Protein backbone atom coordinates (compact mmCIF):
# COMPACT_ATOMS: atom_id res chain seq x y z
CA MET A 1 -1.69 -35.57 -24.67
CA ALA A 2 -1.36 -32.91 -21.98
CA THR A 3 1.25 -30.25 -22.47
CA ASN A 4 2.78 -28.17 -19.74
CA LYS A 5 2.85 -24.44 -20.26
CA PRO A 6 6.35 -23.00 -20.26
CA GLN A 7 7.47 -21.43 -17.01
CA GLY A 8 8.18 -17.73 -16.64
CA PHE A 9 5.58 -16.40 -19.07
CA GLY A 10 3.05 -15.39 -16.43
CA TRP A 11 0.84 -18.47 -16.54
CA GLY A 12 2.38 -20.56 -13.78
CA ILE A 13 0.55 -19.86 -10.54
CA PRO A 14 2.16 -19.52 -8.13
CA PRO A 15 5.16 -18.25 -10.03
CA LEU A 16 8.67 -19.13 -9.06
CA PRO A 17 10.09 -16.28 -6.97
CA ILE A 18 13.10 -16.00 -9.27
CA HIS A 19 10.80 -15.38 -12.24
CA VAL A 20 9.07 -12.57 -10.36
CA GLN A 21 12.40 -11.08 -9.31
CA ILE A 22 13.70 -11.19 -12.88
CA TYR A 23 10.52 -9.61 -14.22
CA PHE A 24 10.56 -6.81 -11.66
CA ASP A 25 14.26 -6.21 -12.38
CA GLN A 26 13.50 -5.99 -16.11
CA GLN A 27 10.89 -3.35 -15.31
CA GLY A 28 13.40 -1.33 -13.28
CA MET A 29 11.91 -2.26 -9.93
CA THR A 30 13.68 -3.41 -6.78
CA GLU A 31 14.00 -6.88 -5.33
CA GLN A 32 12.04 -5.66 -2.29
CA GLU A 33 9.13 -4.60 -4.49
CA ALA A 34 9.13 -8.06 -6.06
CA ALA A 35 9.16 -9.64 -2.60
CA ASP A 36 6.26 -7.42 -1.50
CA PHE A 37 4.29 -8.47 -4.58
CA ILE A 38 4.88 -12.17 -3.86
CA LYS A 39 4.05 -11.78 -0.17
CA HIS A 40 0.79 -9.98 -0.96
CA TYR A 41 -0.45 -12.53 -3.46
CA GLU A 42 0.70 -15.51 -1.40
CA ALA A 43 -1.33 -14.11 1.51
CA ASN A 44 -4.33 -14.01 -0.83
CA ASN A 45 -3.65 -17.52 -2.15
CA TRP A 46 -3.09 -16.12 -5.67
CA THR A 47 -6.75 -15.20 -6.02
CA TYR A 48 -8.64 -11.97 -6.67
CA ALA A 49 -10.74 -10.39 -3.93
CA GLY A 50 -13.82 -12.29 -5.15
CA GLY A 51 -12.03 -15.63 -4.92
CA GLN A 52 -11.35 -16.07 -8.63
CA PRO A 53 -7.91 -17.55 -9.25
CA ILE A 54 -5.32 -15.33 -10.86
CA ARG A 55 -4.45 -16.72 -14.28
CA ASP A 56 -1.62 -14.40 -15.32
CA TRP A 57 0.68 -13.12 -12.60
CA LYS A 58 2.48 -10.78 -15.01
CA GLU A 59 -0.76 -8.92 -15.62
CA GLU A 60 -1.07 -8.42 -11.87
CA ALA A 61 2.61 -7.48 -11.64
CA ASN A 62 2.08 -4.79 -14.27
CA LYS A 63 -0.79 -3.34 -12.25
CA TRP A 64 1.36 -3.50 -9.10
CA ILE A 65 4.25 -1.72 -10.83
CA TRP A 66 1.90 0.90 -12.30
CA GLU A 67 0.61 1.70 -8.81
CA ILE A 68 4.14 2.10 -7.47
CA LEU A 69 5.21 4.35 -10.32
CA SER A 70 2.03 6.41 -10.12
CA ALA A 71 2.54 6.97 -6.40
CA GLN A 72 6.15 7.98 -6.99
CA ASN A 73 5.12 10.51 -9.64
CA TRP A 74 2.52 12.07 -7.35
CA ARG A 75 5.09 12.44 -4.58
CA ARG A 76 7.36 14.36 -6.95
CA ILE A 77 4.73 16.98 -7.76
CA LYS A 78 4.92 20.06 -5.54
CA PRO A 79 1.69 21.87 -4.63
CA THR A 80 2.91 24.89 -6.59
CA ASP A 81 3.17 22.72 -9.72
CA PHE A 82 -0.62 22.44 -9.90
CA ASN A 83 -0.76 26.09 -10.96
CA LYS A 84 1.22 25.13 -14.06
CA ILE A 85 -1.15 22.38 -15.15
């Protein structure tokens, strides 16, 4: 007997946009950032660069969010702050 995996846990590819929006909101991200994530992965047919299918969109979302937050932190550092490190 085949069982369907529950929706919203990261396994459904492609994910429902509302699930992505909720997840990004829970992580403190904007609706636009969620939309950018969806647009990017839809353009790539929910596959990695090598053509392998993405199996867990939340894992990819976490990487996406990490990149955004990392870039924001770097923009906050002033050149004079490097002397303090």
